[in-house]
Amino acid sequence: MNTATNMDKSLPSSSANKSRDLENEVNKARNDLTALKKTIGDLGKEKMDALKGMTDDLPDELMERSREAIADLRKQITVLERDLENRVREKPLAWLLGAVGVGVVLAAILRR
């Protein structure tokens, strides 16, 4: 900066004013860039914090969905068990013969 001040003494007054104006503009631009850098850094930090908060909730949400899916599967299995029980009670002989037939087929396959 001393160079600009030394140059001001040797230049005519209008050139010295232009030099000071240019130096002021450069300082303003430097300050603006510093402020912009800080603003962008702060914005990036805010966005990262927001994303981190979203990912922190994700495991809890997945666990809740898993629990709901398991509960639904248990209900479906219970319904299927009751349905199968009712069908066996309606036609026990047919189911018994079917089970014997499946057993014979499996025994034949396993012997080979």
PDB file of N, CA and C in Angstrom:
ATOM      1  N   MET A   1       0.814  -1.179   0.000  1.00  0.00           N
ATOM      2  CA  MET A   1       0.000   0.000   0.000  1.00  0.00           C
ATOM      3  C   MET A   1       0.866   1.255   0.000  1.00  0.00           C
ATOM      4  N   ASN A   2       2.040   1.161   0.536  1.00  0.00           N
ATOM      5  CA  ASN A   2       2.928   2.315   0.547  1.00  0.00           C
ATOM      6  C   ASN A   2       3.277   2.739  -0.857  1.00  0.00           C
ATOM      7  N   THR A   3       3.366   1.809  -1.776  1.00  0.00           N
ATOM      8  CA  THR A   3       3.704   2.127  -3.151  1.00  0.00           C
ATOM      9  C   THR A   3       2.652   3.034  -3.748  1.00  0.00           C
ATOM     10  N   ALA A   4       1.383   2.732  -3.478  1.00  0.00           N
ATOM     11  CA  ALA A   4       0.301   3.561  -3.997  1.00  0.00           C
ATOM     12  C   ALA A   4       0.386   4.953  -3.398  1.00  0.00           C
ATOM     13  N   THR A   5       0.723   5.057  -2.125  1.00  0.00           N
ATOM     14  CA  THR A   5       0.827   6.360  -1.472  1.00  0.00           C
ATOM     15  C   THR A   5       1.991   7.138  -2.046  1.00  0.00           C
ATOM     16  N   ASN A   6       3.123   6.450  -2.281  1.00  0.00           N
ATOM     17  CA  ASN A   6       4.291   7.111  -2.877  1.00  0.00           C
ATOM     18  C   ASN A   6       3.976   7.552  -4.293  1.00  0.00           C
ATOM     19  N   MET A   7       3.207   6.732  -5.009  1.00  0.00           N
ATOM     20  CA  MET A   7       2.852   7.076  -6.383  1.00  0.00           C
ATOM     21  C   MET A   7       1.922   8.284  -6.384  1.00  0.00           C
ATOM     22  N   ASP A   8       1.072   8.410  -5.360  1.00  0.00           N
ATOM     23  CA  ASP A   8       0.141   9.524  -5.281  1.00  0.00           C
ATOM     24  C   ASP A   8       0.881  10.851  -5.251  1.00  0.00           C
ATOM     25  N   LYS A   9       2.019  10.895  -4.593  1.00  0.00           N
ATOM     26  CA  LYS A   9       2.785  12.135  -4.474  1.00  0.00           C
ATOM     27  C   LYS A   9       3.370  12.554  -5.811  1.00  0.00           C
ATOM     28  N   SER A  10       3.733  11.585  -6.643  1.00  0.00           N
ATOM     29  CA  SER A  10       4.372  11.918  -7.905  1.00  0.00           C
ATOM     30  C   SER A  10       3.368  12.143  -9.028  1.00  0.00           C
ATOM     31  N   LEU A  11       2.128  11.715  -8.868  1.00  0.00           N
ATOM     32  CA  LEU A  11       1.111  11.859  -9.902  1.00  0.00           C
ATOM     33  C   LEU A  11       0.354  13.166  -9.722  1.00  0.00           C
ATOM     34  N   PRO A  12      -0.224  13.656 -10.807  1.00  0.00           N
ATOM     35  CA  PRO A  12      -1.083  14.826 -10.677  1.00  0.00           C
ATOM     36  C   PRO A  12      -2.286  14.475  -9.809  1.00  0.00           C
ATOM     37  N   SER A  13      -3.009  15.452  -9.285  1.00  0.00           N
ATOM     38  CA  SER A  13      -4.063  15.216  -8.317  1.00  0.00           C
ATOM     39  C   SER A  13      -5.200  14.384  -8.879  1.00  0.00           C
ATOM     40  N   SER A  14      -5.579  14.528 -10.131  1.00  0.00           N
ATOM     41  CA  SER A  14      -6.659  13.718 -10.699  1.00  0.00           C
ATOM     42  C   SER A  14      -6.232  12.255 -10.793  1.00  0.00           C
ATOM     43  N   SER A  15      -4.994  12.009 -11.141  1.00  0.00           N
ATOM     44  CA  SER A  15      -4.490  10.635 -11.190  1.00  0.00           C
ATOM     45  C   SER A  15      -4.402  10.057  -9.791  1.00  0.00           C
ATOM     46  N   ALA A  16      -4.041  10.868  -8.842  1.00  0.00           N
ATOM     47  CA  ALA A  16      -3.956  10.411  -7.460  1.00  0.00           C
ATOM     48  C   ALA A  16      -5.351  10.051  -6.957  1.00  0.00           C
ATOM     49  N   ASN A  17      -6.349  10.849  -7.310  1.00  0.00           N
ATOM     50  CA  ASN A  17      -7.727  10.545  -6.913  1.00  0.00           C
ATOM     51  C   ASN A  17      -8.193   9.246  -7.546  1.00  0.00           C
ATOM     52  N   LYS A  18      -7.861   9.068  -8.826  1.00  0.00           N
ATOM     53  CA  LYS A  18      -8.239   7.820  -9.506  1.00  0.00           C
ATOM     54  C   LYS A  18      -7.555   6.626  -8.857  1.00  0.00           C
ATOM     55  N   SER A  19      -6.315   6.810  -8.468  1.00  0.00           N
ATOM     56  CA  SER A  19      -5.569   5.727  -7.824  1.00  0.00           C
ATOM     57  C   SER A  19      -6.198   5.379  -6.477  1.00  0.00           C
ATOM     58  N   ARG A  20      -6.555   6.417  -5.694  1.00  0.00           N
ATOM     59  CA  ARG A  20      -7.203   6.172  -4.409  1.00  0.00           C
ATOM     60  C   ARG A  20      -8.567   5.510  -4.602  1.00  0.00           C
ATOM     61  N   ASP A  21      -9.302   5.990  -5.613  1.00  0.00           N
ATOM     62  CA  ASP A  21     -10.611   5.394  -5.898  1.00  0.00           C
ATOM     63  C   ASP A  21     -10.465   3.914  -6.256  1.00  0.00           C
ATOM     64  N   LEU A  22      -9.464   3.634  -7.096  1.00  0.00           N
ATOM     65  CA  LEU A  22      -9.220   2.251  -7.493  1.00  0.00           C
ATOM     66  C   LEU A  22      -8.837   1.405  -6.276  1.00  0.00           C
ATOM     67  N   GLU A  23      -7.989   1.952  -5.423  1.00  0.00           N
ATOM     68  CA  GLU A  23      -7.586   1.236  -4.215  1.00  0.00           C
ATOM     69  C   GLU A  23      -8.803   0.996  -3.314  1.00  0.00           C
ATOM     70  N   ASN A  24      -9.669   1.994  -3.183  1.00  0.00           N
ATOM     71  CA  ASN A  24     -10.889   1.835  -2.388  1.00  0.00           C
ATOM     72  C   ASN A  24     -11.799   0.761  -2.980  1.00  0.00           C
ATOM     73  N   GLU A  25     -11.941   0.764  -4.286  1.00  0.00           N
ATOM     74  CA  GLU A  25     -12.772  -0.240  -4.956  1.00  0.00           C
ATOM     75  C   GLU A  25     -12.201  -1.643  -4.750  1.00  0.00           C
ATOM     76  N   VAL A  26     -10.890  -1.775  -4.825  1.00  0.00           N
ATOM     77  CA  VAL A  26     -10.252  -3.076  -4.593  1.00  0.00           C
ATOM     78  C   VAL A  26     -10.500  -3.525  -3.157  1.00  0.00           C
ATOM     79  N   ASN A  27     -10.382  -2.623  -2.205  1.00  0.00           N
ATOM     80  CA  ASN A  27     -10.650  -2.968  -0.806  1.00  0.00           C
ATOM     81  C   ASN A  27     -12.111  -3.372  -0.603  1.00  0.00           C
ATOM     82  N   LYS A  28     -13.031  -2.650  -1.242  1.00  0.00           N
ATOM     83  CA  LYS A  28     -14.449  -2.995  -1.155  1.00  0.00           C
ATOM     84  C   LYS A  28     -14.695  -4.393  -1.721  1.00  0.00           C
ATOM     85  N   ALA A  29     -14.078  -4.646  -2.893  1.00  0.00           N
ATOM     86  CA  ALA A  29     -14.249  -5.956  -3.528  1.00  0.00           C
ATOM     87  C   ALA A  29     -13.688  -7.052  -2.637  1.00  0.00           C
ATOM     88  N   ARG A  30     -12.552  -6.796  -2.017  1.00  0.00           N
ATOM     89  CA  ARG A  30     -11.940  -7.774  -1.115  1.00  0.00           C
ATOM     90  C   ARG A  30     -12.869  -8.044   0.074  1.00  0.00           C
ATOM     91  N   ASN A  31     -13.424  -6.980   0.650  1.00  0.00           N
ATOM     92  CA  ASN A  31     -14.348  -7.137   1.776  1.00  0.00           C
ATOM     93  C   ASN A  31     -15.614  -7.875   1.345  1.00  0.00           C
ATOM     94  N   ASP A  32     -16.127  -7.554   0.153  1.00  0.00           N
ATOM     95  CA  ASP A  32     -17.314  -8.242  -0.356  1.00  0.00           C
ATOM     96  C   ASP A  32     -17.047  -9.724  -0.560  1.00  0.00           C
ATOM     97  N   LEU A  33     -15.879 -10.043  -1.109  1.00  0.00           N
ATOM     98  CA  LEU A  33     -15.528 -11.453  -1.322  1.00  0.00           C
ATOM     99  C   LEU A  33     -15.393 -12.193   0.007  1.00  0.00           C
ATOM    100  N   THR A  34     -14.820 -11.545   1.005  1.00  0.00           N
ATOM    101  CA  THR A  34     -14.693 -12.161   2.323  1.00  0.00           C
ATOM    102  C   THR A  34     -16.076 -12.428   2.918  1.00  0.00           C
ATOM    103  N   ALA A  35     -16.975 -11.447   2.801  1.00  0.00           N
ATOM    104  CA  ALA A  35     -18.334 -11.619   3.321  1.00  0.00           C
ATOM    105  C   ALA A  35     -19.064 -12.721   2.554  1.00  0.00           C
ATOM    106  N   LEU A  36     -18.880 -12.764   1.229  1.00  0.00           N
ATOM    107  CA  LEU A  36     -19.518 -13.793   0.406  1.00  0.00           C
ATOM    108  C   LEU A  36     -19.007 -15.178   0.784  1.00  0.00           C
ATOM    109  N   LYS A  37     -17.725 -15.283   1.015  1.00  0.00           N
ATOM    110  CA  LYS A  37     -17.133 -16.559   1.429  1.00  0.00           C
ATOM    111  C   LYS A  37     -17.743 -17.026   2.746  1.00  0.00           C
ATOM    112  N   LYS A  38     -17.892 -16.127   3.696  1.00  0.00           N
ATOM    113  CA  LYS A  38     -18.481 -16.472   4.990  1.00  0.00           C
ATOM    114  C   LYS A  38     -19.944 -16.877   4.814  1.00  0.00           C
ATOM    115  N   THR A  39     -20.686 -16.145   4.001  1.00  0.00           N
ATOM    116  CA  THR A  39     -22.102 -16.450   3.782  1.00  0.00           C
ATOM    117  C   THR A  39     -22.264 -17.824   3.151  1.00  0.00           C
ATOM    118  N   ILE A  40     -21.463 -18.113   2.145  1.00  0.00           N
ATOM    119  CA  ILE A  40     -21.539 -19.421   1.481  1.00  0.00           C
ATOM    120  C   ILE A  40     -21.165 -20.536   2.458  1.00  0.00           C
ATOM    121  N   GLY A  41     -20.148 -20.308   3.279  1.00  0.00           N
ATOM    122  CA  GLY A  41     -19.756 -21.305   4.278  1.00  0.00           C
ATOM    123  C   GLY A  41     -20.872 -21.562   5.282  1.00  0.00           C
ATOM    124  N   ASP A  42     -21.504 -20.471   5.741  1.00  0.00           N
ATOM    125  CA  ASP A  42     -22.611 -20.620   6.699  1.00  0.00           C
ATOM    126  C   ASP A  42     -23.785 -21.361   6.073  1.00  0.00           C
ATOM    127  N   LEU A  43     -24.103 -21.020   4.834  1.00  0.00           N
ATOM    128  CA  LEU A  43     -25.209 -21.676   4.138  1.00  0.00           C
ATOM    129  C   LEU A  43     -24.924 -23.166   3.959  1.00  0.00           C
ATOM    130  N   GLY A  44     -23.706 -23.496   3.565  1.00  0.00           N
ATOM    131  CA  GLY A  44     -23.321 -24.904   3.411  1.00  0.00           C
ATOM    132  C   GLY A  44     -23.429 -25.659   4.722  1.00  0.00           C
ATOM    133  N   LYS A  45     -23.016 -25.017   5.817  1.00  0.00           N
ATOM    134  CA  LYS A  45     -23.108 -25.653   7.137  1.00  0.00           C
ATOM    135  C   LYS A  45     -24.560 -25.889   7.516  1.00  0.00           C
ATOM    136  N   GLU A  46     -25.420 -24.910   7.254  1.00  0.00           N
ATOM    137  CA  GLU A  46     -26.848 -25.067   7.559  1.00  0.00           C
ATOM    138  C   GLU A  46     -27.443 -26.228   6.772  1.00  0.00           C
ATOM    139  N   LYS A  47     -27.099 -26.312   5.489  1.00  0.00           N
ATOM    140  CA  LYS A  47     -27.639 -27.393   4.653  1.00  0.00           C
ATOM    141  C   LYS A  47     -27.140 -28.741   5.145  1.00  0.00           C
ATOM    142  N   MET A  48     -25.878 -28.837   5.519  1.00  0.00           N
ATOM    143  CA  MET A  48     -25.332 -30.101   6.022  1.00  0.00           C
ATOM    144  C   MET A  48     -26.011 -30.501   7.331  1.00  0.00           C
ATOM    145  N   ASP A  49     -26.242 -29.523   8.199  1.00  0.00           N
ATOM    146  CA  ASP A  49     -26.928 -29.817   9.461  1.00  0.00           C
ATOM    147  C   ASP A  49     -28.344 -30.314   9.198  1.00  0.00           C
ATOM    148  N   ALA A  50     -29.029 -29.688   8.233  1.00  0.00           N
ATOM    149  CA  ALA A  50     -30.394 -30.114   7.901  1.00  0.00           C
ATOM    150  C   ALA A  50     -30.394 -31.538   7.363  1.00  0.00           C
ATOM    151  N   LEU A  51     -29.449 -31.856   6.479  1.00  0.00           N
ATOM    152  CA  LEU A  51     -29.364 -33.212   5.924  1.00  0.00           C
ATOM    153  C   LEU A  51     -29.027 -34.221   7.012  1.00  0.00           C
ATOM    154  N   LYS A  52     -28.156 -33.850   7.931  1.00  0.00           N
ATOM    155  CA  LYS A  52     -27.794 -34.747   9.027  1.00  0.00           C
ATOM    156  C   LYS A  52     -29.022 -35.033   9.872  1.00  0.00           C
ATOM    157  N   GLY A  53     -29.823 -34.019  10.135  1.00  0.00           N
ATOM    158  CA  GLY A  53     -31.049 -34.209  10.902  1.00  0.00           C
ATOM    159  C   GLY A  53     -31.997 -35.159  10.201  1.00  0.00           C
ATOM    160  N   MET A  54     -32.069 -35.059   8.879  1.00  0.00           N
ATOM    161  CA  MET A  54     -32.949 -35.952   8.118  1.00  0.00           C
ATOM    162  C   MET A  54     -32.463 -37.389   8.200  1.00  0.00           C
ATOM    163  N   THR A  55     -31.151 -37.594   8.103  1.00  0.00           N
ATOM    164  CA  THR A  55     -30.626 -38.956   8.130  1.00  0.00           C
ATOM    165  C   THR A  55     -30.678 -39.541   9.538  1.00  0.00           C
ATOM    166  N   ASP A  56     -30.666 -38.688  10.559  1.00  0.00           N
ATOM    167  CA  ASP A  56     -30.782 -39.194  11.929  1.00  0.00           C
ATOM    168  C   ASP A  56     -32.148 -39.812  12.165  1.00  0.00           C
ATOM    169  N   ASP A  57     -33.181 -39.260  11.532  1.00  0.00           N
ATOM    170  CA  ASP A  57     -34.539 -39.773  11.699  1.00  0.00           C
ATOM    171  C   ASP A  57     -34.797 -41.026  10.866  1.00  0.00           C
ATOM    172  N   LEU A  58     -33.985 -41.257   9.850  1.00  0.00           N
ATOM    173  CA  LEU A  58     -34.213 -42.361   8.926  1.00  0.00           C
ATOM    174  C   LEU A  58     -34.213 -43.736   9.597  1.00  0.00           C
ATOM    175  N   PRO A  59     -33.238 -44.083  10.449  1.00  0.00           N
ATOM    176  CA  PRO A  59     -33.273 -45.414  11.076  1.00  0.00           C
ATOM    177  C   PRO A  59     -34.532 -45.646  11.906  1.00  0.00           C
ATOM    178  N   ASP A  60     -34.982 -44.622  12.629  1.00  0.00           N
ATOM    179  CA  ASP A  60     -36.202 -44.775  13.423  1.00  0.00           C
ATOM    180  C   ASP A  60     -37.397 -45.050  12.530  1.00  0.00           C
ATOM    181  N   GLU A  61     -37.458 -44.328  11.406  1.00  0.00           N
ATOM    182  CA  GLU A  61     -38.568 -44.511  10.472  1.00  0.00           C
ATOM    183  C   GLU A  61     -38.535 -45.916   9.869  1.00  0.00           C
ATOM    184  N   LEU A  62     -37.351 -46.384   9.515  1.00  0.00           N
ATOM    185  CA  LEU A  62     -37.221 -47.732   8.955  1.00  0.00           C
ATOM    186  C   LEU A  62     -37.609 -48.797   9.977  1.00  0.00           C
ATOM    187  N   MET A  63     -37.221 -48.602  11.226  1.00  0.00           N
ATOM    188  CA  MET A  63     -37.592 -49.564  12.271  1.00  0.00           C
ATOM    189  C   MET A  63     -39.110 -49.600  12.440  1.00  0.00           C
ATOM    190  N   GLU A  64     -39.745 -48.435  12.419  1.00  0.00           N
ATOM    191  CA  GLU A  64     -41.198 -48.380  12.577  1.00  0.00           C
ATOM    192  C   GLU A  64     -41.884 -49.085  11.408  1.00  0.00           C
ATOM    193  N   ARG A  65     -41.404 -48.846  10.199  1.00  0.00           N
ATOM    194  CA  ARG A  65     -41.981 -49.518   9.025  1.00  0.00           C
ATOM    195  C   ARG A  65     -41.790 -51.031   9.114  1.00  0.00           C
ATOM    196  N   SER A  66     -40.613 -51.449   9.590  1.00  0.00           N
ATOM    197  CA  SER A  66     -40.342 -52.884   9.730  1.00  0.00           C
ATOM    198  C   SER A  66     -41.300 -53.507  10.743  1.00  0.00           C
ATOM    199  N   ARG A  67     -41.508 -52.822  11.845  1.00  0.00           N
ATOM    200  CA  ARG A  67     -42.438 -53.332  12.862  1.00  0.00           C
ATOM    201  C   ARG A  67     -43.852 -53.455  12.296  1.00  0.00           C
ATOM    202  N   GLU A  68     -44.264 -52.439  11.533  1.00  0.00           N
ATOM    203  CA  GLU A  68     -45.596 -52.479  10.926  1.00  0.00           C
ATOM    204  C   GLU A  68     -45.710 -53.640   9.938  1.00  0.00           C
ATOM    205  N   ALA A  69     -44.657 -53.854   9.142  1.00  0.00           N
ATOM    206  CA  ALA A  69     -44.670 -54.952   8.165  1.00  0.00           C
ATOM    207  C   ALA A  69     -44.743 -56.301   8.878  1.00  0.00           C
ATOM    208  N   ILE A  70     -44.001 -56.443   9.958  1.00  0.00           N
ATOM    209  CA  ILE A  70     -44.024 -57.700  10.718  1.00  0.00           C
ATOM    210  C   ILE A  70     -45.405 -57.930  11.314  1.00  0.00           C
ATOM    211  N   ALA A  71     -45.998 -56.874  11.845  1.00  0.00           N
ATOM    212  CA  ALA A  71     -47.344 -57.003  12.413  1.00  0.00           C
ATOM    213  C   ALA A  71     -48.348 -57.414  11.335  1.00  0.00           C
ATOM    214  N   ASP A  72     -48.235 -56.819  10.128  1.00  0.00           N
ATOM    215  CA  ASP A  72     -49.124 -57.190   9.024  1.00  0.00           C
ATOM    216  C   ASP A  72     -48.923 -58.652   8.621  1.00  0.00           C
ATOM    217  N   LEU A  73     -47.671 -59.092   8.566  1.00  0.00           N
ATOM    218  CA  LEU A  73     -47.389 -60.484   8.216  1.00  0.00           C
ATOM    219  C   LEU A  73     -47.956 -61.444   9.253  1.00  0.00           C
ATOM    220  N   ARG A  74     -47.847 -61.078  10.518  1.00  0.00           N
ATOM    221  CA  ARG A  74     -48.419 -61.938  11.572  1.00  0.00           C
ATOM    222  C   ARG A  74     -49.924 -62.071  11.400  1.00  0.00           C
ATOM    223  N   LYS A  75     -50.577 -60.961  11.085  1.00  0.00           N
ATOM    224  CA  LYS A  75     -52.029 -61.006  10.863  1.00  0.00           C
ATOM    225  C   LYS A  75     -52.371 -61.913   9.683  1.00  0.00           C
ATOM    226  N   GLN A  76     -51.615 -61.786   8.595  1.00  0.00           N
ATOM    227  CA  GLN A  76     -51.875 -62.605   7.409  1.00  0.00           C
ATOM    228  C   GLN A  76     -51.642 -64.081   7.711  1.00  0.00           C
ATOM    229  N   ILE A  77     -50.599 -64.396   8.447  1.00  0.00           N
ATOM    230  CA  ILE A  77     -50.314 -65.793   8.805  1.00  0.00           C
ATOM    231  C   ILE A  77     -51.434 -66.348   9.676  1.00  0.00           C
ATOM    232  N   THR A  78     -51.897 -65.551  10.615  1.00  0.00           N
ATOM    233  CA  THR A  78     -53.003 -65.987  11.482  1.00  0.00           C
ATOM    234  C   THR A  78     -54.246 -66.287  10.652  1.00  0.00           C
ATOM    235  N   VAL A  79     -54.549 -65.415   9.689  1.00  0.00           N
ATOM    236  CA  VAL A  79     -55.715 -65.623   8.817  1.00  0.00           C
ATOM    237  C   VAL A  79     -55.529 -66.903   7.995  1.00  0.00           C
ATOM    238  N   LEU A  80     -54.344 -67.114   7.450  1.00  0.00           N
ATOM    239  CA  LEU A  80     -54.082 -68.321   6.659  1.00  0.00           C
ATOM    240  C   LEU A  80     -54.192 -69.586   7.516  1.00  0.00           C
ATOM    241  N   GLU A  81     -53.678 -69.518   8.739  1.00  0.00           N
ATOM    242  CA  GLU A  81     -53.781 -70.681   9.633  1.00  0.00           C
ATOM    243  C   GLU A  81     -55.247 -71.023   9.907  1.00  0.00           C
ATOM    244  N   ARG A  82     -56.039 -69.993  10.204  1.00  0.00           N
ATOM    245  CA  ARG A  82     -57.470 -70.241  10.470  1.00  0.00           C
ATOM    246  C   ARG A  82     -58.164 -70.805   9.232  1.00  0.00           C
ATOM    247  N   ASP A  83     -57.840 -70.257   8.094  1.00  0.00           N
ATOM    248  CA  ASP A  83     -58.448 -70.723   6.848  1.00  0.00           C
ATOM    249  C   ASP A  83     -58.092 -72.184   6.592  1.00  0.00           C
ATOM    250  N   LEU A  84     -56.828 -72.534   6.783  1.00  0.00           N
ATOM    251  CA  LEU A  84     -56.382 -73.915   6.592  1.00  0.00           C
ATOM    252  C   LEU A  84     -57.069 -74.846   7.598  1.00  0.00           C
ATOM    253  N   GLU A  85     -57.143 -74.404   8.848  1.00  0.00           N
ATOM    254  CA  GLU A  85     -57.817 -75.203   9.873  1.00  0.00           C
ATOM    255  C   GLU A  85     -59.271 -75.465   9.505  1.00  0.00           C
ATOM    256  N   ASN A  86     -59.943 -74.437   9.052  1.00  0.00           N
ATOM    257  CA  ASN A  86     -61.359 -74.587   8.668  1.00  0.00           C
ATOM    258  C   ASN A  86     -61.518 -75.555   7.496  1.00  0.00           C
ATOM    259  N   ARG A  87     -60.634 -75.473   6.527  1.00  0.00           N
ATOM    260  CA  ARG A  87     -60.719 -76.373   5.371  1.00  0.00           C
ATOM    261  C   ARG A  87     -60.464 -77.819   5.776  1.00  0.00           C
ATOM    262  N   VAL A  88     -59.485 -78.018   6.681  1.00  0.00           N
ATOM    263  CA  VAL A  88     -59.195 -79.375   7.156  1.00  0.00           C
ATOM    264  C   VAL A  88     -60.393 -79.921   7.928  1.00  0.00           C
ATOM    265  N   ARG A  89     -61.032 -79.087   8.726  1.00  0.00           N
ATOM    266  CA  ARG A  89     -62.204 -79.526   9.492  1.00  0.00           C
ATOM    267  C   ARG A  89     -63.378 -79.857   8.575  1.00  0.00           C
ATOM    268  N   GLU A  90     -63.496 -79.118   7.464  1.00  0.00           N
ATOM    269  CA  GLU A  90     -64.602 -79.383   6.532  1.00  0.00           C
ATOM    270  C   GLU A  90     -64.436 -80.723   5.822  1.00  0.00           C
ATOM    271  N   LYS A  91     -63.204 -81.040   5.424  1.00  0.00           N
ATOM    272  CA  LYS A  91     -62.942 -82.281   4.676  1.00  0.00           C
ATOM    273  C   LYS A  91     -61.687 -82.960   5.230  1.00  0.00           C
ATOM    274  N   PRO A  92     -61.776 -83.545   6.408  1.00  0.00           N
ATOM    275  CA  PRO A  92     -60.585 -84.137   7.023  1.00  0.00           C
ATOM    276  C   PRO A  92     -60.038 -85.330   6.249  1.00  0.00           C
ATOM    277  N   LEU A  93     -60.895 -86.151   5.681  1.00  0.00           N
ATOM    278  CA  LEU A  93     -60.449 -87.337   4.959  1.00  0.00           C
ATOM    279  C   LEU A  93     -59.654 -86.940   3.712  1.00  0.00           C
ATOM    280  N   ALA A  94     -60.135 -85.960   2.991  1.00  0.00           N
ATOM    281  CA  ALA A  94     -59.437 -85.511   1.781  1.00  0.00           C
ATOM    282  C   ALA A  94     -58.042 -84.981   2.135  1.00  0.00           C
ATOM    283  N   TRP A  95     -57.960 -84.226   3.212  1.00  0.00           N
ATOM    284  CA  TRP A  95     -56.666 -83.684   3.632  1.00  0.00           C
ATOM    285  C   TRP A  95     -55.744 -84.798   4.113  1.00  0.00           C
ATOM    286  N   LEU A  96     -56.286 -85.797   4.797  1.00  0.00           N
ATOM    287  CA  LEU A  96     -55.479 -86.908   5.274  1.00  0.00           C
ATOM    288  C   LEU A  96     -54.907 -87.686   4.098  1.00  0.00           C
ATOM    289  N   LEU A  97     -55.765 -87.983   3.113  1.00  0.00           N
ATOM    290  CA  LEU A  97     -55.290 -88.713   1.921  1.00  0.00           C
ATOM    291  C   LEU A  97     -54.273 -87.885   1.140  1.00  0.00           C
ATOM    292  N   GLY A  98     -54.498 -86.594   1.069  1.00  0.00           N
ATOM    293  CA  GLY A  98     -53.532 -85.715   0.394  1.00  0.00           C
ATOM    294  C   GLY A  98     -52.182 -85.719   1.087  1.00  0.00           C
ATOM    295  N   ALA A  99     -52.182 -85.670   2.412  1.00  0.00           N
ATOM    296  CA  ALA A  99     -50.937 -85.690   3.176  1.00  0.00           C
ATOM    297  C   ALA A  99     -50.210 -87.012   3.003  1.00  0.00           C
ATOM    298  N   VAL A 100     -50.981 -88.131   2.999  1.00  0.00           N
ATOM    299  CA  VAL A 100     -50.379 -89.447   2.782  1.00  0.00           C
ATOM    300  C   VAL A 100     -49.764 -89.499   1.385  1.00  0.00           C
ATOM    301  N   GLY A 101     -50.476 -88.974   0.395  1.00  0.00           N
ATOM    302  CA  GLY A 101     -49.972 -88.975  -0.985  1.00  0.00           C
ATOM    303  C   GLY A 101     -48.674 -88.176  -1.105  1.00  0.00           C
ATOM    304  N   VAL A 102     -48.632 -87.025  -0.485  1.00  0.00           N
ATOM    305  CA  VAL A 102     -47.407 -86.209  -0.513  1.00  0.00           C
ATOM    306  C   VAL A 102     -46.272 -86.955   0.180  1.00  0.00           C
ATOM    307  N   GLY A 103     -46.569 -87.634   1.277  1.00  0.00           N
ATOM    308  CA  GLY A 103     -45.551 -88.405   1.988  1.00  0.00           C
ATOM    309  C   GLY A 103     -44.994 -89.525   1.135  1.00  0.00           C
ATOM    310  N   VAL A 104     -45.858 -90.231   0.397  1.00  0.00           N
ATOM    311  CA  VAL A 104     -45.417 -91.323  -0.476  1.00  0.00           C
ATOM    312  C   VAL A 104     -44.516 -90.775  -1.581  1.00  0.00           C
ATOM    313  N   VAL A 105     -44.928 -89.680  -2.188  1.00  0.00           N
ATOM    314  CA  VAL A 105     -44.123 -89.077  -3.279  1.00  0.00           C
ATOM    315  C   VAL A 105     -42.763 -88.643  -2.748  1.00  0.00           C
ATOM    316  N   LEU A 106     -42.724 -87.997  -1.604  1.00  0.00           N
ATOM    317  CA  LEU A 106     -41.446 -87.547  -1.022  1.00  0.00           C
ATOM    318  C   LEU A 106     -40.566 -88.751  -0.676  1.00  0.00           C
ATOM    319  N   ALA A 107     -41.140 -89.799  -0.145  1.00  0.00           N
ATOM    320  CA  ALA A 107     -40.363 -90.993   0.187  1.00  0.00           C
ATOM    321  C   ALA A 107     -39.763 -91.610  -1.059  1.00  0.00           C
ATOM    322  N   ALA A 108     -40.535 -91.637  -2.134  1.00  0.00           N
ATOM    323  CA  ALA A 108     -40.014 -92.201  -3.395  1.00  0.00           C
ATOM    324  C   ALA A 108     -38.877 -91.355  -3.938  1.00  0.00           C
ATOM    325  N   ILE A 109     -39.024 -90.049  -3.836  1.00  0.00           N
ATOM    326  CA  ILE A 109     -37.959 -89.154  -4.335  1.00  0.00           C
ATOM    327  C   ILE A 109     -36.698 -89.293  -3.498  1.00  0.00           C
ATOM    328  N   LEU A 110     -36.851 -89.395  -2.213  1.00  0.00           N
ATOM    329  CA  LEU A 110     -35.681 -89.443  -1.320  1.00  0.00           C
ATOM    330  C   LEU A 110     -34.960 -90.788  -1.387  1.00  0.00           C
ATOM    331  N   ARG A 111     -35.629 -91.859  -1.810  1.00  0.00           N
ATOM    332  CA  ARG A 111     -34.979 -93.173  -1.928  1.00  0.00           C
ATOM    333  C   ARG A 111     -33.998 -93.199  -3.075  1.00  0.00           C
ATOM    334  N   ARG A 112     -34.227 -92.462  -4.077  1.00  0.00           N
ATOM    335  CA  ARG A 112     -33.377 -92.502  -5.285  1.00  0.00           C
ATOM    336  C   ARG A 112     -32.133 -91.778  -5.092  1.00  0.00           C
TER     337      ARG A 112
END
